[in-house]
Amino acid sequence: MRLNAAIAASPTVGRGNGRQENNKREALIGVLQKLAQYVQLHCGNDLAVLLSSGFLRRQHEPAQVPLPSRPL
């Protein structure tokens, strides 16, 4: 959200810098994904350590269960 606010407040918005902003956004997302992987790898499955990093725990989707088959 802060990235979007910063882009909106930028004096160059709407002046053909869309490609440059997209490249910066993609680079930022890539760095954050690498950081998240590092934190996940080094937290040792300890929720307190994970939360102390500033990242939030991702909620897992419930496992999908096959529907019971009905008689023919």
Protein backbone atom coordinates (compact mmCIF):
# COMPACT_ATOMS: atom_id res chain seq x y z
CA MET A 1 0.00 0.00 0.00
CA ARG A 2 2.82 2.39 0.80
CA LEU A 3 4.39 1.69 -2.57
CA ASN A 4 1.14 2.59 -4.31
CA ALA A 5 0.82 5.77 -2.23
CA ALA A 6 4.40 6.76 -3.04
CA ILE A 7 3.83 6.17 -6.73
CA ALA A 8 0.60 8.18 -6.66
CA ALA A 9 2.34 11.06 -4.87
CA SER A 10 5.27 11.03 -7.29
CA PRO A 11 5.55 14.16 -9.41
CA THR A 12 6.36 12.03 -12.46
CA VAL A 13 3.15 9.97 -12.44
CA GLY A 14 1.47 10.03 -15.81
CA ARG A 15 4.54 11.26 -17.66
CA GLY A 16 5.55 8.06 -19.40
CA ASN A 17 7.39 6.52 -16.45
CA GLY A 18 5.04 3.56 -16.16
CA ARG A 19 7.59 1.07 -17.49
CA GLN A 20 10.23 2.33 -15.06
CA GLU A 21 7.81 2.12 -12.13
CA ASN A 22 6.79 -1.41 -13.15
CA ASN A 23 10.44 -2.46 -13.32
CA LYS A 24 11.06 -1.04 -9.84
CA ARG A 25 7.93 -2.73 -8.50
CA GLU A 26 8.99 -6.09 -9.95
CA ALA A 27 12.49 -5.70 -8.51
CA LEU A 28 11.06 -4.86 -5.09
CA ILE A 29 8.70 -7.84 -5.16
CA GLY A 30 11.60 -10.11 -6.11
CA VAL A 31 13.73 -8.88 -3.21
CA LEU A 32 10.84 -9.25 -0.76
CA GLN A 33 10.16 -12.80 -1.95
CA LYS A 34 13.82 -13.72 -1.43
CA LEU A 35 13.75 -12.14 2.02
CA ALA A 36 10.58 -14.05 2.93
CA GLN A 37 12.17 -17.31 1.80
CA TYR A 38 15.26 -16.57 3.90
CA VAL A 39 13.16 -15.83 6.98
CA GLN A 40 11.06 -18.94 6.46
CA LEU A 41 14.15 -21.10 6.07
CA HIS A 42 15.88 -19.71 9.17
CA CYS A 43 12.96 -19.41 11.60
CA GLY A 44 13.17 -23.11 12.46
CA ASN A 45 9.37 -23.52 12.47
CA ASP A 46 9.25 -21.20 15.47
CA LEU A 47 6.27 -18.88 15.10
CA ALA A 48 7.70 -16.35 17.58
CA VAL A 49 10.91 -16.05 15.54
CA LEU A 50 8.92 -15.67 12.34
CA LEU A 51 6.72 -12.95 13.82
CA SER A 52 9.74 -11.12 15.26
CA SER A 53 11.03 -10.73 11.70
CA GLY A 54 8.09 -8.49 10.81
CA PHE A 55 6.52 -11.04 8.50
CA LEU A 56 3.09 -12.46 9.21
CA ARG A 57 2.16 -16.12 9.20
CA ARG A 58 0.44 -17.10 6.00
CA GLN A 59 -2.88 -18.77 6.63
CA HIS A 60 -3.01 -22.17 4.99
CA GLU A 61 -6.03 -23.11 2.98
CA PRO A 62 -7.83 -26.13 4.38
CA ALA A 63 -6.91 -29.34 2.60
CA GLN A 64 -9.27 -30.23 -0.16
CA VAL A 65 -11.17 -33.41 0.49
CA PRO A 66 -12.63 -35.40 -2.39
CA LEU A 67 -16.40 -35.38 -2.50
CA PRO A 68 -18.00 -38.66 -1.52
CA SER A 69 -19.14 -40.61 -4.52
CA ARG A 70 -22.83 -41.21 -4.71
CA PRO A 71 -24.31 -44.53 -5.74
CA LEU A 72 -25.29 -44.94 -9.36
